[in-house]
Each structure stands twice: as structure tokens, then as C-alpha cells.
Amino acid sequence: MQSAHQFLQNLYGLAAEVAEGSADGGSADGDAVAAYVDREIDAAAATATEEFEAFRFNHALQAVRDLVSLLRRYHERDGADPATVERGVRAVAKLLGPVAPHVTEEVWDLLGGDGLLAEAEWPEADLPADYDVARRLVENTREDVRDIVETVGIEDPETITLAVAPEWKHRAHELARESDADNLIGDLMGHDEIREQGDAAASFAQDLQAEREALADVLAPDEELATLERAAWLIEDEFDADVVVRSAEEADGDLAGNAQPGRPAIRID
């Protein structure tokens, strides 16, 4: 009960701040960050709707809790887009309406909603394309950065550079998932675009062979780059460091060479 009370207090407080217009406006990276938050709003609406319809209320509420936590974090960031925050809080109010009607009606009133929340349209949203793959990429990357910082004992990182794997590695990963050949290494090296990479291709093919049964779907290089750019602010805020995201072509050779599809290379200065 205490946890639920604190959550609803947090939501009401956030709504009050949004109603007062306390968020700052505009920033150099605002578009990319707002795009990330917008995707999370749509994803939460789609997920909660599906879980409510399946009577898995605890799963639906967890999606909403996660969204409120993200909105609070974004709202407190310099340059947060007030319209994006308000859109998110309005969606949260609607999604919580069935289980916390009294508080959410108050939130709806704070935000100047028309009529009763109970009569408002349910937030219609589809899960963004490749959302699960993109979310796994972001979560794994953040965890990898934490592991490096803790293992090496970096107390005050200044710059965190992420490099996406080159196109040929993504192609090799795709071929490995599609291949039914017993000798995966030989199969991959039979493709000119892979074989011409020389020793690097042979080494990567061995890695793919060893992890063959666990290979998961990954984003295309440009989509992986865009996803990491949108989510870079989460790492910046967590470690108070500049985060730079590079394509394989933009990164230096050594760093790009360590990147794998779905697992960007990481350098921390």
C-alpha cells in the first residue's frame, strides 16, 4: 500500500508541475530525446492495453509505472519538451483510470482535460516497429557500460563512446540465423562480402558458430545507430558524462572492430 501511495503521489506531483508549466523548453538534442520518450509513451499504451484485455493487471500497471519513472526523469532534464511530458502524463491518467479513478480524475482536471476522464477516449497506440529489439539493445548497452565502470573502477567518466558494428557483420549475423548448414563457418566464408574481410571475418564467423543457438534478432546498422542516439541521454544522465554514438565508418578502426550486431563497442574516457 505504501508503494502504491508513493507512486500515485509522484504522479499527482508530476501532473501539478506540468500544469504549472515548470518544464524548460528547447535544447540541441531535444528532438532525439523527445522522440525516444514519444516511443516509450506509445509502447506503454500498447502494452498496458494488451495486458488489461488479458486481465493481467499487474503487468499493465508495471508498464505504466515504468513510463511515469521515465517521464519524471525526462521532465527534470534541461531542455525537456513540455508538450511531450504533458502527452505522457495524459496517457498515464487514462491508462490508470480503470484502477485508480479518483486520483486520475484529479490529474485529468489539473491538466485541463475536457469533461470527465472516464468519458475520454482510450489512448490508441501500436507498439513501435522493432520495439522489443530496440529496448533490448538499450538495456544491454546501459548494463555493459555499468559493468565496465564498476569493473575498472572509473569514478568520474568524462566521455562514453558507442560504436555500431559494420554492415558486413550485420550481414554475417543475418546469414548465420538463416543458415542450416552444419559447418556455419564454411557457409559464411562462402559469401564474397564476408570472405573479403579476411581474418576479421573468420574470427567473427567462429563467434557466430559458438553462439549459433542463441543468436537473436537485431536492428539494421542505421536503425541501431538511431536507437542509440535517441537513448544516449539515459546514459548521460546516469553517469554525468558526454555520450557519443558513432557508426562503424565514423569510429576508429579498433573500436569499430570490437562491435557486434546488437552489442555496440564501448570506450570510456
C-alpha atoms as a PDB file:
ATOM      1  CA  MET A   1       0.000   0.000   0.000  1.00  0.00           C
ATOM      2  CA  GLN A   2       2.852   2.376   0.802  1.00  0.00           C
ATOM      3  CA  SER A   3       4.416   1.752  -2.605  1.00  0.00           C
ATOM      4  CA  ALA A   4       1.117   2.377  -4.388  1.00  0.00           C
ATOM      5  CA  HIS A   5       0.558   5.556  -2.359  1.00  0.00           C
ATOM      6  CA  GLN A   6       4.027   6.888  -3.192  1.00  0.00           C
ATOM      7  CA  PHE A   7       3.514   6.102  -6.863  1.00  0.00           C
ATOM      8  CA  LEU A   8       0.214   7.988  -7.021  1.00  0.00           C
ATOM      9  CA  GLN A   9       1.722  10.910  -5.085  1.00  0.00           C
ATOM     10  CA  ASN A  10       4.568  11.019  -7.598  1.00  0.00           C
ATOM     11  CA  LEU A  11       2.115  11.016 -10.496  1.00  0.00           C
ATOM     12  CA  TYR A  12      -0.010  13.772  -8.960  1.00  0.00           C
ATOM     13  CA  GLY A  13       3.073  15.861  -8.231  1.00  0.00           C
ATOM     14  CA  LEU A  14       4.307  15.457 -11.784  1.00  0.00           C
ATOM     15  CA  ALA A  15       0.904  16.455 -13.151  1.00  0.00           C
ATOM     16  CA  ALA A  16       0.893  19.548 -10.929  1.00  0.00           C
ATOM     17  CA  GLU A  17       4.326  20.577 -12.191  1.00  0.00           C
ATOM     18  CA  VAL A  18       3.239  20.058 -15.800  1.00  0.00           C
ATOM     19  CA  ALA A  19       0.106  22.118 -15.168  1.00  0.00           C
ATOM     20  CA  GLU A  20       2.272  24.935 -13.797  1.00  0.00           C
ATOM     21  CA  GLY A  21       4.409  24.806 -16.928  1.00  0.00           C
ATOM     22  CA  SER A  22       7.651  24.346 -14.990  1.00  0.00           C
ATOM     23  CA  ALA A  23       9.460  22.348 -17.710  1.00  0.00           C
ATOM     24  CA  ASP A  24      12.113  24.177 -19.692  1.00  0.00           C
ATOM     25  CA  GLY A  25      11.800  24.366 -23.453  1.00  0.00           C
ATOM     26  CA  GLY A  26      14.075  23.533 -26.332  1.00  0.00           C
ATOM     27  CA  SER A  27      17.571  22.060 -26.478  1.00  0.00           C
ATOM     28  CA  ALA A  28      20.089  20.965 -29.079  1.00  0.00           C
ATOM     29  CA  ASP A  29      19.327  17.285 -28.578  1.00  0.00           C
ATOM     30  CA  GLY A  30      15.651  17.818 -27.744  1.00  0.00           C
ATOM     31  CA  ASP A  31      14.250  16.266 -30.906  1.00  0.00           C
ATOM     32  CA  ALA A  32      16.116  12.976 -30.478  1.00  0.00           C
ATOM     33  CA  VAL A  33      15.341  12.707 -26.771  1.00  0.00           C
ATOM     34  CA  ALA A  34      11.686  13.653 -27.235  1.00  0.00           C
ATOM     35  CA  ALA A  35      11.442  11.023 -29.980  1.00  0.00           C
ATOM     36  CA  TYR A  36      12.672   8.392 -27.524  1.00  0.00           C
ATOM     37  CA  VAL A  37      10.120   9.436 -24.906  1.00  0.00           C
ATOM     38  CA  ASP A  38       7.338   9.545 -27.506  1.00  0.00           C
ATOM     39  CA  ARG A  39       8.115   5.955 -28.489  1.00  0.00           C
ATOM     40  CA  GLU A  40       8.009   4.906 -24.838  1.00  0.00           C
ATOM     41  CA  ILE A  41       4.614   6.574 -24.383  1.00  0.00           C
ATOM     42  CA  ASP A  42       3.188   4.679 -27.362  1.00  0.00           C
ATOM     43  CA  ALA A  43       4.793   1.440 -26.212  1.00  0.00           C
ATOM     44  CA  ALA A  44       3.372   1.774 -22.704  1.00  0.00           C
ATOM     45  CA  ALA A  45      -0.113   2.481 -24.061  1.00  0.00           C
ATOM     46  CA  ALA A  46       0.026  -0.503 -26.403  1.00  0.00           C
ATOM     47  CA  THR A  47       1.448  -2.819 -23.732  1.00  0.00           C
ATOM     48  CA  ALA A  48      -0.964  -1.753 -20.992  1.00  0.00           C
ATOM     49  CA  THR A  49      -3.938  -2.104 -23.326  1.00  0.00           C
ATOM     50  CA  GLU A  50      -2.927  -5.639 -24.271  1.00  0.00           C
ATOM     51  CA  GLU A  51      -2.336  -6.620 -20.652  1.00  0.00           C
ATOM     52  CA  PHE A  52      -5.615  -5.126 -19.431  1.00  0.00           C
ATOM     53  CA  GLU A  53      -7.524  -7.015 -22.112  1.00  0.00           C
ATOM     54  CA  ALA A  54      -5.844 -10.232 -20.947  1.00  0.00           C
ATOM     55  CA  PHE A  55      -6.734  -9.394 -17.287  1.00  0.00           C
ATOM     56  CA  ARG A  56      -3.043  -9.185 -16.361  1.00  0.00           C
ATOM     57  CA  PHE A  57      -3.464  -6.012 -14.348  1.00  0.00           C
ATOM     58  CA  ASN A  58      -0.102  -6.257 -12.599  1.00  0.00           C
ATOM     59  CA  HIS A  59       1.698  -6.342 -15.954  1.00  0.00           C
ATOM     60  CA  ALA A  60      -0.326  -3.388 -17.232  1.00  0.00           C
ATOM     61  CA  LEU A  61       0.471  -1.362 -14.129  1.00  0.00           C
ATOM     62  CA  GLN A  62       4.170  -2.173 -14.355  1.00  0.00           C
ATOM     63  CA  ALA A  63       4.245  -0.703 -17.869  1.00  0.00           C
ATOM     64  CA  VAL A  64       2.582   2.461 -16.539  1.00  0.00           C
ATOM     65  CA  ARG A  65       4.934   2.664 -13.545  1.00  0.00           C
ATOM     66  CA  ASP A  66       7.939   2.432 -15.852  1.00  0.00           C
ATOM     67  CA  LEU A  67       6.511   5.201 -18.023  1.00  0.00           C
ATOM     68  CA  VAL A  68       5.928   7.513 -15.047  1.00  0.00           C
ATOM     69  CA  SER A  69       9.520   6.956 -13.908  1.00  0.00           C
ATOM     70  CA  LEU A  70      10.790   7.825 -17.382  1.00  0.00           C
ATOM     71  CA  LEU A  71       8.564  10.910 -17.629  1.00  0.00           C
ATOM     72  CA  ARG A  72       9.787  12.174 -14.254  1.00  0.00           C
ATOM     73  CA  ARG A  73      13.393  11.701 -15.319  1.00  0.00           C
ATOM     74  CA  TYR A  74      12.784  13.433 -18.651  1.00  0.00           C
ATOM     75  CA  HIS A  75      10.806  16.270 -17.082  1.00  0.00           C
ATOM     76  CA  GLU A  76      13.727  17.092 -14.790  1.00  0.00           C
ATOM     77  CA  ARG A  77      16.177  17.192 -17.687  1.00  0.00           C
ATOM     78  CA  ASP A  78      17.267  20.563 -19.045  1.00  0.00           C
ATOM     79  CA  GLY A  79      15.523  21.211 -22.335  1.00  0.00           C
ATOM     80  CA  ALA A  80      12.653  18.753 -21.820  1.00  0.00           C
ATOM     81  CA  ASP A  81       9.773  19.343 -24.232  1.00  0.00           C
ATOM     82  CA  PRO A  82       6.708  20.318 -22.146  1.00  0.00           C
ATOM     83  CA  ALA A  83       4.297  19.035 -24.802  1.00  0.00           C
ATOM     84  CA  THR A  84       5.897  15.581 -24.732  1.00  0.00           C
ATOM     85  CA  VAL A  85       5.739  15.412 -20.941  1.00  0.00           C
ATOM     86  CA  GLU A  86       2.104  16.509 -20.895  1.00  0.00           C
ATOM     87  CA  ARG A  87       1.191  13.985 -23.577  1.00  0.00           C
ATOM     88  CA  GLY A  88       2.785  11.273 -21.467  1.00  0.00           C
ATOM     89  CA  VAL A  89       1.021  12.281 -18.250  1.00  0.00           C
ATOM     90  CA  ARG A  90      -2.328  12.464 -20.036  1.00  0.00           C
ATOM     91  CA  ALA A  91      -1.749   8.942 -21.367  1.00  0.00           C
ATOM     92  CA  VAL A  92      -0.831   7.727 -17.875  1.00  0.00           C
ATOM     93  CA  ALA A  93      -4.013   9.199 -16.414  1.00  0.00           C
ATOM     94  CA  LYS A  94      -6.123   7.353 -18.975  1.00  0.00           C
ATOM     95  CA  LEU A  95      -4.255   4.080 -18.515  1.00  0.00           C
ATOM     96  CA  LEU A  96      -4.631   4.235 -14.723  1.00  0.00           C
ATOM     97  CA  GLY A  97      -8.266   5.330 -14.880  1.00  0.00           C
ATOM     98  CA  PRO A  98      -9.720   1.811 -14.541  1.00  0.00           C
ATOM     99  CA  VAL A  99      -7.785   1.051 -11.324  1.00  0.00           C
ATOM    100  CA  ALA A 100      -7.289   4.466  -9.693  1.00  0.00           C
ATOM    101  CA  PRO A 101     -10.266   6.520 -10.902  1.00  0.00           C
ATOM    102  CA  HIS A 102     -10.345   9.144  -8.149  1.00  0.00           C
ATOM    103  CA  VAL A 103      -6.715  10.229  -8.379  1.00  0.00           C
ATOM    104  CA  THR A 104      -6.654  10.127 -12.160  1.00  0.00           C
ATOM    105  CA  GLU A 105      -9.794  12.270 -12.398  1.00  0.00           C
ATOM    106  CA  GLU A 106      -7.942  14.843 -10.288  1.00  0.00           C
ATOM    107  CA  VAL A 107      -4.908  14.567 -12.562  1.00  0.00           C
ATOM    108  CA  TRP A 108      -7.131  14.966 -15.610  1.00  0.00           C
ATOM    109  CA  ASP A 109      -8.665  18.099 -14.091  1.00  0.00           C
ATOM    110  CA  LEU A 110      -5.216  19.516 -13.286  1.00  0.00           C
ATOM    111  CA  LEU A 111      -4.228  19.118 -16.935  1.00  0.00           C
ATOM    112  CA  GLY A 112      -7.364  20.870 -18.140  1.00  0.00           C
ATOM    113  CA  GLY A 113      -8.970  17.790 -19.645  1.00  0.00           C
ATOM    114  CA  ASP A 114     -12.412  18.161 -21.209  1.00  0.00           C
ATOM    115  CA  GLY A 115     -15.203  16.597 -19.172  1.00  0.00           C
ATOM    116  CA  LEU A 116     -14.606  13.508 -17.106  1.00  0.00           C
ATOM    117  CA  LEU A 117     -11.610  11.270 -17.655  1.00  0.00           C
ATOM    118  CA  ALA A 118     -13.963   8.299 -17.593  1.00  0.00           C
ATOM    119  CA  GLU A 119     -15.554   9.660 -20.775  1.00  0.00           C
ATOM    120  CA  ALA A 120     -12.280  10.428 -22.546  1.00  0.00           C
ATOM    121  CA  GLU A 121     -11.046   8.284 -25.429  1.00  0.00           C
ATOM    122  CA  TRP A 122      -8.709   5.459 -24.527  1.00  0.00           C
ATOM    123  CA  PRO A 123      -5.135   6.088 -25.759  1.00  0.00           C
ATOM    124  CA  GLU A 124      -4.860   4.187 -29.030  1.00  0.00           C
ATOM    125  CA  ALA A 125      -1.299   3.240 -29.912  1.00  0.00           C
ATOM    126  CA  ASP A 126       0.579   0.489 -31.688  1.00  0.00           C
ATOM    127  CA  LEU A 127       3.826  -0.923 -30.400  1.00  0.00           C
ATOM    128  CA  PRO A 128       6.604   0.863 -32.352  1.00  0.00           C
ATOM    129  CA  ALA A 129       8.280  -1.243 -35.037  1.00  0.00           C
ATOM    130  CA  ASP A 130      11.037  -3.475 -33.622  1.00  0.00           C
ATOM    131  CA  TYR A 131      10.358  -2.041 -30.163  1.00  0.00           C
ATOM    132  CA  ASP A 132      11.359  -5.164 -28.246  1.00  0.00           C
ATOM    133  CA  VAL A 133      14.637  -5.457 -30.166  1.00  0.00           C
ATOM    134  CA  ALA A 134      15.411  -1.764 -29.669  1.00  0.00           C
ATOM    135  CA  ARG A 135      14.605  -1.922 -25.967  1.00  0.00           C
ATOM    136  CA  ARG A 136      16.859  -4.943 -25.502  1.00  0.00           C
ATOM    137  CA  LEU A 137      19.673  -3.076 -27.282  1.00  0.00           C
ATOM    138  CA  VAL A 138      19.333  -0.057 -24.984  1.00  0.00           C
ATOM    139  CA  GLU A 139      19.076  -2.105 -21.794  1.00  0.00           C
ATOM    140  CA  ASN A 140      22.056  -4.309 -22.680  1.00  0.00           C
ATOM    141  CA  THR A 141      24.168  -1.309 -23.635  1.00  0.00           C
ATOM    142  CA  ARG A 142      23.404   0.503 -20.380  1.00  0.00           C
ATOM    143  CA  GLU A 143      24.229  -2.654 -18.431  1.00  0.00           C
ATOM    144  CA  ASP A 144      27.504  -3.086 -20.322  1.00  0.00           C
ATOM    145  CA  VAL A 145      28.512   0.495 -19.511  1.00  0.00           C
ATOM    146  CA  ARG A 146      27.734  -0.107 -15.826  1.00  0.00           C
ATOM    147  CA  ASP A 147      29.788  -3.295 -15.832  1.00  0.00           C
ATOM    148  CA  ILE A 148      32.805  -1.534 -17.353  1.00  0.00           C
ATOM    149  CA  VAL A 149      32.591   1.416 -14.946  1.00  0.00           C
ATOM    150  CA  GLU A 150      32.282  -0.867 -11.910  1.00  0.00           C
ATOM    151  CA  THR A 151      34.881  -3.431 -13.013  1.00  0.00           C
ATOM    152  CA  VAL A 152      37.534  -0.903 -13.971  1.00  0.00           C
ATOM    153  CA  GLY A 153      36.660   1.407 -11.094  1.00  0.00           C
ATOM    154  CA  ILE A 154      36.045   4.551 -13.127  1.00  0.00           C
ATOM    155  CA  GLU A 155      34.790   7.128 -10.628  1.00  0.00           C
ATOM    156  CA  ASP A 156      34.107  10.052 -12.935  1.00  0.00           C
ATOM    157  CA  PRO A 157      33.783   9.129 -16.632  1.00  0.00           C
ATOM    158  CA  GLU A 158      34.045  12.122 -18.951  1.00  0.00           C
ATOM    159  CA  THR A 159      33.123  10.653 -22.326  1.00  0.00           C
ATOM    160  CA  ILE A 160      31.420   7.396 -23.287  1.00  0.00           C
ATOM    161  CA  THR A 161      31.728   6.438 -26.938  1.00  0.00           C
ATOM    162  CA  LEU A 162      29.485   3.813 -28.523  1.00  0.00           C
ATOM    163  CA  ALA A 163      30.292   2.344 -31.940  1.00  0.00           C
ATOM    164  CA  VAL A 164      27.886   0.319 -34.075  1.00  0.00           C
ATOM    165  CA  ALA A 165      29.137  -2.799 -35.858  1.00  0.00           C
ATOM    166  CA  PRO A 166      29.906  -2.521 -39.589  1.00  0.00           C
ATOM    167  CA  GLU A 167      27.460  -3.591 -42.278  1.00  0.00           C
ATOM    168  CA  TRP A 168      29.295  -6.834 -43.081  1.00  0.00           C
ATOM    169  CA  LYS A 169      28.952  -8.081 -39.506  1.00  0.00           C
ATOM    170  CA  HIS A 170      25.229  -7.441 -39.590  1.00  0.00           C
ATOM    171  CA  ARG A 171      25.046  -9.342 -42.861  1.00  0.00           C
ATOM    172  CA  ALA A 172      27.021 -12.243 -41.398  1.00  0.00           C
ATOM    173  CA  HIS A 173      24.730 -12.287 -38.363  1.00  0.00           C
ATOM    174  CA  GLU A 174      21.689 -12.396 -40.638  1.00  0.00           C
ATOM    175  CA  LEU A 175      23.153 -15.215 -42.723  1.00  0.00           C
ATOM    176  CA  ALA A 176      24.047 -17.174 -39.592  1.00  0.00           C
ATOM    177  CA  ARG A 177      20.470 -17.013 -38.326  1.00  0.00           C
ATOM    178  CA  GLU A 178      19.152 -18.185 -41.702  1.00  0.00           C
ATOM    179  CA  SER A 179      21.737 -20.917 -42.307  1.00  0.00           C
ATOM    180  CA  ASP A 180      21.002 -24.583 -41.681  1.00  0.00           C
ATOM    181  CA  ALA A 181      24.464 -25.737 -42.736  1.00  0.00           C
ATOM    182  CA  ASP A 182      26.374 -27.939 -40.287  1.00  0.00           C
ATOM    183  CA  ASN A 183      29.565 -26.022 -40.983  1.00  0.00           C
ATOM    184  CA  LEU A 184      28.441 -22.447 -40.369  1.00  0.00           C
ATOM    185  CA  ILE A 185      31.948 -21.017 -40.676  1.00  0.00           C
ATOM    186  CA  GLY A 186      32.416 -22.530 -44.103  1.00  0.00           C
ATOM    187  CA  ASP A 187      28.956 -21.394 -45.145  1.00  0.00           C
ATOM    188  CA  LEU A 188      29.631 -17.792 -44.126  1.00  0.00           C
ATOM    189  CA  MET A 189      33.075 -17.681 -45.706  1.00  0.00           C
ATOM    190  CA  GLY A 190      31.493 -18.828 -48.935  1.00  0.00           C
ATOM    191  CA  HIS A 191      29.958 -15.376 -49.341  1.00  0.00           C
ATOM    192  CA  ASP A 192      32.253 -12.901 -51.098  1.00  0.00           C
ATOM    193  CA  GLU A 193      31.098  -9.923 -48.991  1.00  0.00           C
ATOM    194  CA  ILE A 194      32.113 -11.799 -45.841  1.00  0.00           C
ATOM    195  CA  ARG A 195      35.241 -13.573 -47.091  1.00  0.00           C
ATOM    196  CA  GLU A 196      36.817 -10.353 -48.341  1.00  0.00           C
ATOM    197  CA  GLN A 197      37.024  -9.141 -44.738  1.00  0.00           C
ATOM    198  CA  GLY A 198      39.828 -11.670 -44.177  1.00  0.00           C
ATOM    199  CA  ASP A 199      40.884 -12.717 -40.684  1.00  0.00           C
ATOM    200  CA  ALA A 200      38.282 -10.474 -39.052  1.00  0.00           C
ATOM    201  CA  ALA A 201      35.530 -12.367 -40.881  1.00  0.00           C
ATOM    202  CA  ALA A 202      36.947 -15.759 -39.936  1.00  0.00           C
ATOM    203  CA  SER A 203      37.154 -14.750 -36.274  1.00  0.00           C
ATOM    204  CA  PHE A 204      33.616 -13.370 -36.270  1.00  0.00           C
ATOM    205  CA  ALA A 205      32.321 -16.495 -38.015  1.00  0.00           C
ATOM    206  CA  GLN A 206      33.803 -18.579 -35.192  1.00  0.00           C
ATOM    207  CA  ASP A 207      31.988 -16.408 -32.658  1.00  0.00           C
ATOM    208  CA  LEU A 208      28.722 -16.857 -34.535  1.00  0.00           C
ATOM    209  CA  GLN A 209      29.278 -20.616 -34.692  1.00  0.00           C
ATOM    210  CA  ALA A 210      29.799 -20.759 -30.913  1.00  0.00           C
ATOM    211  CA  GLU A 211      26.686 -18.670 -30.201  1.00  0.00           C
ATOM    212  CA  ARG A 212      24.580 -20.056 -33.025  1.00  0.00           C
ATOM    213  CA  GLU A 213      21.677 -21.313 -30.926  1.00  0.00           C
ATOM    214  CA  ALA A 214      21.406 -18.045 -29.014  1.00  0.00           C
ATOM    215  CA  LEU A 215      21.540 -15.574 -31.919  1.00  0.00           C
ATOM    216  CA  ALA A 216      18.685 -13.098 -31.548  1.00  0.00           C
ATOM    217  CA  ASP A 217      17.099 -10.679 -33.950  1.00  0.00           C
ATOM    218  CA  VAL A 218      18.956  -7.352 -34.215  1.00  0.00           C
ATOM    219  CA  LEU A 219      18.345  -3.985 -35.813  1.00  0.00           C
ATOM    220  CA  ALA A 220      19.905  -2.929 -39.094  1.00  0.00           C
ATOM    221  CA  PRO A 221      23.032  -0.753 -38.643  1.00  0.00           C
ATOM    222  CA  ASP A 222      21.268   2.555 -39.360  1.00  0.00           C
ATOM    223  CA  GLU A 223      18.362   1.651 -37.072  1.00  0.00           C
ATOM    224  CA  GLU A 224      20.748   0.587 -34.312  1.00  0.00           C
ATOM    225  CA  LEU A 225      22.591   3.884 -34.668  1.00  0.00           C
ATOM    226  CA  ALA A 226      19.338   5.882 -34.493  1.00  0.00           C
ATOM    227  CA  THR A 227      18.128   3.906 -31.462  1.00  0.00           C
ATOM    228  CA  LEU A 228      21.340   4.526 -29.531  1.00  0.00           C
ATOM    229  CA  GLU A 229      21.273   8.221 -30.441  1.00  0.00           C
ATOM    230  CA  ARG A 230      17.730   8.525 -29.097  1.00  0.00           C
ATOM    231  CA  ALA A 231      18.620   6.701 -25.871  1.00  0.00           C
ATOM    232  CA  ALA A 232      22.039   8.300 -25.264  1.00  0.00           C
ATOM    233  CA  TRP A 233      20.526  10.785 -22.793  1.00  0.00           C
ATOM    234  CA  LEU A 234      19.739   7.960 -20.371  1.00  0.00           C
ATOM    235  CA  ILE A 235      23.429   7.074 -20.162  1.00  0.00           C
ATOM    236  CA  GLU A 236      24.409  10.751 -19.983  1.00  0.00           C
ATOM    237  CA  ASP A 237      22.113  11.342 -17.023  1.00  0.00           C
ATOM    238  CA  GLU A 238      23.154   8.173 -15.210  1.00  0.00           C
ATOM    239  CA  PHE A 239      26.900   8.784 -15.431  1.00  0.00           C
ATOM    240  CA  ASP A 240      27.007  12.572 -15.869  1.00  0.00           C
ATOM    241  CA  ALA A 241      29.183  12.094 -18.938  1.00  0.00           C
ATOM    242  CA  ASP A 242      29.085  13.059 -22.582  1.00  0.00           C
ATOM    243  CA  VAL A 243      27.878  10.207 -24.781  1.00  0.00           C
ATOM    244  CA  VAL A 244      28.990   9.961 -28.401  1.00  0.00           C
ATOM    245  CA  VAL A 245      27.394   7.467 -30.786  1.00  0.00           C
ATOM    246  CA  ARG A 246      29.334   6.566 -33.924  1.00  0.00           C
ATOM    247  CA  SER A 247      28.652   4.451 -36.970  1.00  0.00           C
ATOM    248  CA  ALA A 248      31.338   1.922 -37.924  1.00  0.00           C
ATOM    249  CA  GLU A 249      32.560   4.339 -40.602  1.00  0.00           C
ATOM    250  CA  GLU A 250      32.840   7.245 -38.149  1.00  0.00           C
ATOM    251  CA  ALA A 251      34.528   5.317 -35.332  1.00  0.00           C
ATOM    252  CA  ASP A 252      38.201   4.465 -35.267  1.00  0.00           C
ATOM    253  CA  GLY A 253      39.098   1.018 -36.591  1.00  0.00           C
ATOM    254  CA  ASP A 254      39.967  -0.621 -33.281  1.00  0.00           C
ATOM    255  CA  LEU A 255      36.750   0.447 -31.618  1.00  0.00           C
ATOM    256  CA  ALA A 256      34.502  -0.470 -34.549  1.00  0.00           C
ATOM    257  CA  GLY A 257      36.272  -3.811 -34.848  1.00  0.00           C
ATOM    258  CA  ASN A 258      35.076  -4.777 -31.363  1.00  0.00           C
ATOM    259  CA  ALA A 259      31.428  -4.000 -32.087  1.00  0.00           C
ATOM    260  CA  GLN A 260      28.897  -6.733 -32.794  1.00  0.00           C
ATOM    261  CA  PRO A 261      25.322  -6.530 -34.089  1.00  0.00           C
ATOM    262  CA  GLY A 262      23.118  -5.666 -31.130  1.00  0.00           C
ATOM    263  CA  ARG A 263      26.192  -5.081 -28.950  1.00  0.00           C
ATOM    264  CA  PRO A 264      27.987  -1.804 -29.716  1.00  0.00           C
ATOM    265  CA  ALA A 265      31.624  -1.380 -28.799  1.00  0.00           C
ATOM    266  CA  ILE A 266      32.176   0.883 -25.783  1.00  0.00           C
ATOM    267  CA  ARG A 267      35.083   3.153 -24.874  1.00  0.00           C
ATOM    268  CA  ILE A 268      35.066   5.145 -21.665  1.00  0.00           C
ATOM    269  CA  ASP A 269      37.483   8.047 -21.170  1.00  0.00           C
END
